[in-house]
Amino acid sequence: MLPGAALFEVALEAIGEAVLITTPEIDAPGPVIVYANPAFYRMSGYTHEEVIGRSPRFLQGPGTDRAMLDRVRKTLSRSASFQGEAVNYRRDGSTYRMEWLITPMQDGSGQITHWISVQRDITGLRQTEAALREAGERARAGEQRQRLLAGELQHRTRNLLGVVIAIANGTVKQRGSVETFGHRLQALSRVQGLLSEGGTDTVEIGALVRAELAPYADSAFDRVTISGPEVHLTVRQVQNFALAVHELTTNAVKHGALKGETGRLGVTWEVALDQRGQHRLALIWVESGVAVDPDKIMHRGYGAELIQQALAYALQAQVDYRLDEDGVRCRIELPIA
């Protein structure tokens, strides 16, 4: 069974969304809630004692779309993920509309052990959209702009929730610790912070790398080199790229150049044109001066899988990851605008 409270308290530091974990049964009286995070209690008004051990059905009421619930049941019976919206009822009887992603959590053999539900209160968003529709009768150009913004917000939310679920499943399948899961979410949280600070749809790669290495800068400032031109990655690119940089950093701290006092780390990047005249970013991660223990350096597990396989799939990247005599060498190339 997943370590519920410890794991999801860390998750909230990164996303702040409401989370439920239930048992795998679909038919009544199941599924049964085995964990709810503080954000869920704030959103619903219920207490821990009033939630744990009950079916999520107690949140439903007359305003809940029965056809939608039938779709949920049909989807989950196929062991598939469900995404949609629903009307739920708070403890005081008031309603709220939530956007909702339910995903199966599986053990190493593929058996579903729990359902994880990540929820976001979009009541305000839907009310805003209604107000915008009314305003649009007076200013259609303004309506179109707001619709685009609302659509982008929803798209980003779904992408972020999807990345969180992927991290959770990847960590669980590799039997990773709660601490490891938390660190990965914190890396994702740093990206969201950079996006918020910049106020744009992109993150500068130098800021991303420096933010990830910042906790170790004081103790290893004379052994770490970071350099490269100003290059901006899109939201879609930067979430996956940041997780790869995090895994490289974690490995360097535990087993590589940032563990002792003799190792050195160079992180550089450049932009070049490929044979078709398209721009490609190449990030080069080089560790040296490391007493290599091949059994401990990352070469398998979710971290290595994320760097060597997930980047290739998600970003059409080319990855060359290898262990030399004195440390890790990694080169990541991906197309950029």
Protein backbone atom coordinates (compact mmCIF):
# COMPACT_ATOMS: atom_id res chain seq x y z
CA MET A 1 0.00 0.00 0.00
CA LEU A 2 1.27 3.50 -0.81
CA PRO A 3 2.45 5.66 2.12
CA GLY A 4 -0.51 8.03 1.70
CA ALA A 5 -0.12 11.03 4.01
CA ALA A 6 3.66 11.28 3.73
CA LEU A 7 3.62 11.05 -0.06
CA PHE A 8 0.79 13.45 -0.78
CA GLU A 9 1.78 16.11 1.71
CA VAL A 10 4.94 16.42 -0.38
CA ALA A 11 2.87 16.42 -3.57
CA LEU A 12 0.83 19.38 -2.35
CA GLU A 13 3.99 21.44 -2.03
CA ALA A 14 4.31 21.13 -5.80
CA ILE A 15 0.75 21.37 -7.10
CA GLY A 16 -1.64 22.31 -4.29
CA GLU A 17 -4.49 20.30 -5.82
CA ALA A 18 -7.01 18.11 -3.98
CA VAL A 19 -6.10 14.42 -3.96
CA LEU A 20 -7.98 11.25 -3.03
CA ILE A 21 -6.73 7.65 -3.00
CA THR A 22 -9.32 4.88 -2.98
CA THR A 23 -9.34 1.12 -3.01
CA PRO A 24 -9.60 -0.51 -6.48
CA GLU A 25 -13.19 -1.76 -6.25
CA ILE A 26 -15.70 -0.10 -8.58
CA ASP A 27 -18.96 -1.70 -7.46
CA ALA A 28 -20.80 -0.48 -4.35
CA PRO A 29 -20.08 -0.20 -1.50
CA GLY A 30 -16.59 0.51 -2.90
CA PRO A 31 -14.39 2.17 -3.73
CA VAL A 32 -13.35 3.25 -0.24
CA ILE A 33 -11.30 6.38 0.45
CA VAL A 34 -8.02 5.51 2.18
CA TYR A 35 -6.35 8.92 1.88
CA ALA A 36 -7.37 12.55 1.35
CA ASN A 37 -4.97 15.47 1.41
CA PRO A 38 -5.48 18.81 3.23
CA ALA A 39 -6.44 20.56 -0.03
CA PHE A 40 -9.38 18.18 -0.38
CA TYR A 41 -10.59 18.93 3.14
CA ARG A 42 -10.36 22.67 2.44
CA MET A 43 -12.26 22.29 -0.83
CA SER A 44 -15.04 20.06 0.52
CA GLY A 45 -15.35 21.31 4.09
CA TYR A 46 -15.23 17.77 5.49
CA THR A 47 -12.81 16.53 8.15
CA HIS A 48 -10.51 13.53 8.08
CA GLU A 49 -12.84 11.54 10.32
CA GLU A 50 -15.80 12.23 8.03
CA VAL A 51 -14.02 11.13 4.84
CA ILE A 52 -11.74 8.16 5.44
CA GLY A 53 -13.48 4.82 4.97
CA ARG A 54 -16.36 6.21 2.90
CA SER A 55 -17.08 5.98 -0.80
CA PRO A 56 -16.58 9.18 -2.84
CA ARG A 57 -20.25 8.82 -3.77
CA PHE A 58 -21.20 10.66 -0.57
CA LEU A 59 -20.00 13.87 -2.28
CA GLN A 60 -22.62 13.54 -5.02
CA GLY A 61 -26.14 14.95 -5.07
CA PRO A 62 -29.08 15.96 -7.27
CA GLY A 63 -26.94 18.26 -9.39
CA THR A 64 -24.39 15.57 -10.22
CA ASP A 65 -24.66 14.39 -13.83
CA ARG A 66 -25.67 10.71 -13.73
CA ALA A 67 -24.68 10.16 -17.36
CA MET A 68 -21.20 11.40 -16.52
CA LEU A 69 -20.99 8.95 -13.60
CA ASP A 70 -21.96 6.13 -15.97
CA ARG A 71 -19.06 7.16 -18.23
CA VAL A 72 -16.73 7.12 -15.24
CA ARG A 73 -17.78 3.61 -14.30
CA LYS A 74 -17.48 2.32 -17.88
CA THR A 75 -14.02 3.87 -18.28
CA LEU A 76 -12.63 2.59 -14.99
CA SER A 77 -14.01 -0.90 -15.65
CA ARG A 78 -11.57 -0.99 -18.61
CA SER A 79 -8.72 -0.07 -16.22
CA ALA A 80 -8.37 3.21 -18.12
CA SER A 81 -7.94 6.79 -16.86
CA PHE A 82 -10.93 9.12 -16.76
CA GLN A 83 -10.88 12.89 -17.13
CA GLY A 84 -13.87 15.17 -16.91
CA GLU A 85 -15.90 17.55 -14.79
CA ALA A 86 -18.46 16.95 -12.07
CA VAL A 87 -20.63 18.80 -9.57
CA ASN A 88 -19.94 17.82 -5.96
CA TYR A 89 -21.44 18.95 -2.66
CA ARG A 90 -19.58 20.50 0.24
CA ARG A 91 -20.31 19.69 3.84
CA ASP A 92 -22.50 22.81 4.14
CA GLY A 93 -24.63 21.68 1.17
CA SER A 94 -23.21 24.17 -1.35
CA THR A 95 -22.05 22.91 -4.74
CA TYR A 96 -18.74 23.25 -6.51
CA ARG A 97 -17.60 22.16 -9.95
CA MET A 98 -14.36 20.25 -10.18
CA GLU A 99 -12.05 19.17 -12.96
CA TRP A 100 -11.08 15.64 -12.24
CA LEU A 101 -8.45 13.11 -13.34
CA ILE A 102 -8.76 9.51 -12.11
CA THR A 103 -5.85 7.20 -12.85
CA PRO A 104 -5.17 3.58 -11.87
CA MET A 105 -2.08 2.96 -9.77
CA GLN A 106 -0.54 -0.39 -10.57
CA ASP A 107 2.05 -2.62 -8.98
CA GLY A 108 4.96 -4.17 -10.84
CA SER A 109 2.75 -6.92 -12.28
CA GLY A 110 0.23 -4.46 -13.71
CA GLN A 111 -2.43 -5.20 -11.07
CA ILE A 112 -4.48 -2.16 -10.03
CA THR A 113 -3.93 -1.50 -6.32
CA HIS A 114 -5.63 1.88 -5.96
CA TRP A 115 -7.32 4.69 -7.85
CA ILE A 116 -5.77 8.14 -7.52
CA SER A 117 -8.02 11.12 -8.13
CA VAL A 118 -6.53 14.60 -8.59
CA GLN A 119 -9.18 17.33 -8.40
CA ARG A 120 -9.25 21.05 -9.05
CA ASP A 121 -12.06 23.42 -8.10
CA ILE A 122 -13.01 25.23 -11.32
CA THR A 123 -16.18 26.85 -10.03
CA GLY A 124 -14.61 30.28 -10.31
CA LEU A 125 -13.28 29.51 -13.77
CA ARG A 126 -16.70 28.44 -15.01
CA GLN A 127 -18.31 31.52 -13.45
CA THR A 128 -15.69 33.67 -15.13
CA GLU A 129 -16.42 32.02 -18.46
CA ALA A 130 -20.13 32.73 -18.01
CA ALA A 131 -19.39 36.36 -17.24
CA LEU A 132 -17.13 36.55 -20.26
CA ARG A 133 -19.86 35.17 -22.49
CA GLU A 134 -22.17 37.96 -21.31
CA ALA A 135 -19.45 40.54 -21.79
CA GLY A 136 -18.78 39.09 -25.22
CA GLU A 137 -22.17 40.28 -26.42
CA ARG A 138 -20.77 43.78 -25.94
CA ALA A 139 -17.18 43.11 -26.94
CA ARG A 140 -16.63 39.98 -29.04
CA ALA A 141 -12.95 40.63 -29.47
CA GLY A 142 -12.50 40.62 -25.68
CA GLU A 143 -14.47 37.39 -25.39
CA GLN A 144 -12.26 35.62 -27.89
CA ARG A 145 -9.15 36.62 -25.97
CA GLN A 146 -10.56 35.36 -22.69
CA ARG A 147 -11.66 32.09 -24.22
CA LEU A 148 -8.15 31.51 -25.46
CA LEU A 149 -6.74 32.24 -22.02
CA ALA A 150 -9.22 29.93 -20.30
CA GLY A 151 -8.46 27.16 -22.78
CA GLU A 152 -4.73 27.58 -22.23
CA LEU A 153 -5.21 27.44 -18.47
CA GLN A 154 -7.15 24.19 -18.71
CA HIS A 155 -4.61 22.73 -21.12
CA ARG A 156 -1.74 23.55 -18.78
CA THR A 157 -3.60 22.15 -15.79
CA ARG A 158 -4.25 18.85 -17.57
CA ASN A 159 -0.62 18.64 -18.69
CA LEU A 160 0.65 19.34 -15.19
CA LEU A 161 -1.65 16.76 -13.60
CA GLY A 162 -0.60 14.24 -16.23
CA VAL A 163 3.10 14.82 -15.44
CA VAL A 164 2.44 14.40 -11.69
CA ILE A 165 0.61 11.12 -12.29
CA ALA A 166 3.45 9.89 -14.53
CA ILE A 167 6.00 10.70 -11.82
CA ALA A 168 3.91 8.89 -9.20
CA ASN A 169 3.46 5.78 -11.33
CA GLY A 170 7.11 5.73 -12.39
CA THR A 171 8.31 6.07 -8.80
CA VAL A 172 5.94 3.38 -7.51
CA LYS A 173 6.80 0.88 -10.26
CA GLN A 174 10.50 1.27 -9.47
CA ARG A 175 9.75 1.05 -5.73
CA GLY A 176 11.11 4.53 -5.19
CA SER A 177 10.86 6.22 -1.81
CA VAL A 178 8.50 8.95 -0.69
CA GLU A 179 11.51 11.25 -0.45
CA THR A 180 12.44 10.56 -4.09
CA PHE A 181 8.88 11.29 -5.21
CA GLY A 182 8.89 14.51 -3.21
CA HIS A 183 12.17 15.72 -4.73
CA ARG A 184 10.84 15.10 -8.23
CA LEU A 185 7.73 17.10 -7.49
CA GLN A 186 9.82 19.90 -6.04
CA ALA A 187 11.79 20.01 -9.32
CA LEU A 188 8.48 20.35 -11.14
CA SER A 189 7.43 23.04 -8.69
CA ARG A 190 10.58 25.04 -9.43
CA VAL A 191 9.63 25.07 -13.11
CA GLN A 192 6.17 26.40 -12.29
CA GLY A 193 7.82 29.07 -10.16
CA LEU A 194 10.08 30.14 -13.03
CA LEU A 195 7.08 30.33 -15.36
CA SER A 196 5.21 32.49 -12.86
CA GLU A 197 8.17 34.76 -12.23
CA GLY A 198 8.83 35.27 -15.92
CA GLY A 199 5.20 35.91 -16.77
CA THR A 200 5.66 34.19 -20.13
CA ASP A 201 5.10 30.81 -21.76
CA THR A 202 8.81 29.94 -21.69
CA VAL A 203 11.69 29.33 -19.29
CA GLU A 204 15.31 30.24 -19.98
CA ILE A 205 17.47 27.12 -19.76
CA GLY A 206 20.22 28.82 -17.77
CA ALA A 207 17.71 29.84 -15.08
CA LEU A 208 16.39 26.27 -14.98
CA VAL A 209 19.85 24.68 -14.56
CA ARG A 210 20.94 27.22 -11.93
CA ALA A 211 17.72 26.76 -9.96
CA GLU A 212 18.28 22.99 -9.84
CA LEU A 213 21.93 23.31 -8.76
CA ALA A 214 21.36 26.25 -6.39
CA PRO A 215 21.20 24.12 -3.19
CA TYR A 216 24.77 22.93 -3.86
CA ALA A 217 26.25 26.17 -5.19
CA ASP A 218 27.82 27.35 -1.91
CA SER A 219 29.71 24.14 -1.18
CA ALA A 220 30.82 23.46 -4.76
CA PHE A 221 30.88 26.93 -6.38
CA ASP A 222 34.51 26.53 -7.55
CA ARG A 223 33.89 23.05 -9.00
CA VAL A 224 30.75 23.73 -11.04
CA THR A 225 30.72 25.47 -14.41
CA ILE A 226 27.46 26.58 -16.03
CA SER A 227 27.51 28.39 -19.36
CA GLY A 228 25.62 28.76 -22.60
CA PRO A 229 23.62 31.23 -24.69
CA GLU A 230 20.15 32.48 -23.79
CA VAL A 231 17.72 29.80 -24.93
CA HIS A 232 14.04 29.58 -24.00
CA LEU A 233 12.09 26.33 -23.72
CA THR A 234 8.31 26.10 -24.03
CA VAL A 235 6.04 24.90 -21.23
CA ARG A 236 5.70 21.46 -22.82
CA GLN A 237 9.45 21.11 -23.24
CA VAL A 238 10.57 22.51 -19.92
CA GLN A 239 8.56 20.18 -17.65
CA ASN A 240 10.17 17.04 -19.05
CA PHE A 241 13.57 18.69 -19.48
CA ALA A 242 13.59 19.93 -15.88
CA LEU A 243 12.93 16.41 -14.58
CA ALA A 244 15.88 15.10 -16.61
CA VAL A 245 18.18 17.80 -15.18
CA HIS A 246 16.88 16.94 -11.71
CA GLU A 247 17.72 13.24 -12.15
CA LEU A 248 21.23 14.10 -13.34
CA THR A 249 21.68 16.42 -10.37
CA THR A 250 20.38 13.86 -7.89
CA ASN A 251 22.76 11.24 -9.24
CA ALA A 252 25.68 13.68 -9.04
CA VAL A 253 24.85 14.52 -5.41
CA LYS A 254 24.46 10.91 -4.30
CA HIS A 255 27.20 9.21 -6.31
CA GLY A 256 28.97 11.64 -8.62
CA ALA A 257 30.72 14.99 -8.90
CA LEU A 258 28.73 16.74 -6.16
CA LYS A 259 29.18 14.02 -3.54
CA GLY A 260 32.77 14.64 -2.46
CA GLU A 261 35.23 17.50 -2.73
CA THR A 262 37.25 16.33 -5.75
CA GLY A 263 34.59 16.02 -8.41
CA ARG A 264 33.92 18.67 -11.02
CA LEU A 265 30.77 19.34 -13.02
CA GLY A 266 30.41 21.21 -16.28
CA VAL A 267 26.96 22.02 -17.68
CA THR A 268 27.06 23.76 -21.03
CA TRP A 269 24.66 24.17 -23.93
CA GLU A 270 24.70 25.43 -27.47
CA VAL A 271 22.36 25.92 -30.40
CA ALA A 272 23.13 24.63 -33.89
CA LEU A 273 21.34 24.00 -37.18
CA ASP A 274 20.71 20.45 -38.34
CA GLN A 275 20.84 19.26 -41.93
CA ARG A 276 17.29 20.51 -42.54
CA GLY A 277 18.10 23.98 -41.25
CA GLN A 278 16.17 23.54 -38.00
CA HIS A 279 17.54 24.76 -34.67
CA ARG A 280 18.57 22.17 -32.11
CA LEU A 281 19.58 22.68 -28.51
CA ALA A 282 22.44 20.51 -27.21
CA LEU A 283 23.00 20.36 -23.44
CA ILE A 284 26.24 18.68 -22.36
CA TRP A 285 26.58 17.40 -18.78
CA VAL A 286 30.13 16.32 -17.90
CA GLU A 287 31.32 15.03 -14.54
CA SER A 288 34.99 14.37 -13.77
CA GLY A 289 37.20 13.50 -10.83
CA VAL A 290 34.74 10.91 -9.57
CA ALA A 291 35.68 7.57 -8.04
CA VAL A 292 33.16 5.61 -10.08
CA ASP A 293 31.16 2.79 -8.55
CA PRO A 294 29.25 1.29 -11.54
CA ASP A 295 26.75 -0.39 -9.20
CA LYS A 296 25.64 2.93 -7.73
CA ILE A 297 25.82 5.36 -10.63
CA MET A 298 22.40 5.72 -12.23
CA HIS A 299 22.03 3.30 -15.12
CA ARG A 300 18.58 1.86 -14.58
CA GLY A 301 15.36 2.75 -12.82
CA TYR A 302 12.92 5.58 -13.42
CA GLY A 303 15.59 8.31 -13.48
CA ALA A 304 17.58 6.65 -16.23
CA GLU A 305 14.38 5.72 -18.06
CA LEU A 306 13.20 9.32 -17.94
CA ILE A 307 16.46 10.64 -19.39
CA GLN A 308 17.07 7.98 -22.01
CA GLN A 309 13.54 7.11 -23.11
CA ALA A 310 10.96 9.65 -21.96
CA LEU A 311 12.81 12.63 -23.46
CA ALA A 312 13.08 10.86 -26.78
CA TYR A 313 9.36 10.15 -26.78
CA ALA A 314 8.07 13.45 -25.40
CA LEU A 315 10.48 15.92 -27.00
CA GLN A 316 11.92 14.04 -30.01
CA ALA A 317 15.25 14.30 -28.23
CA GLN A 318 18.45 12.37 -28.86
CA VAL A 319 20.23 11.28 -25.68
CA ASP A 320 23.75 9.96 -25.27
CA TYR A 321 24.17 8.86 -21.64
CA ARG A 322 27.24 6.93 -20.58
CA LEU A 323 29.55 6.28 -17.65
CA ASP A 324 33.23 7.06 -18.30
CA GLU A 325 36.18 6.23 -16.10
CA ASP A 326 35.83 9.34 -13.94
CA GLY A 327 32.15 10.24 -14.14
CA VAL A 328 28.92 10.56 -16.06
CA ARG A 329 28.71 12.05 -19.53
CA CYS A 330 25.33 13.03 -20.93
CA ARG A 331 24.42 14.91 -24.11
CA ILE A 332 20.79 15.82 -24.76
CA GLU A 333 19.73 17.23 -28.12
CA LEU A 334 16.24 18.40 -28.95
CA PRO A 335 14.57 20.60 -31.57
CA ILE A 336 13.62 24.13 -30.51
CA ALA A 337 11.76 26.99 -32.13
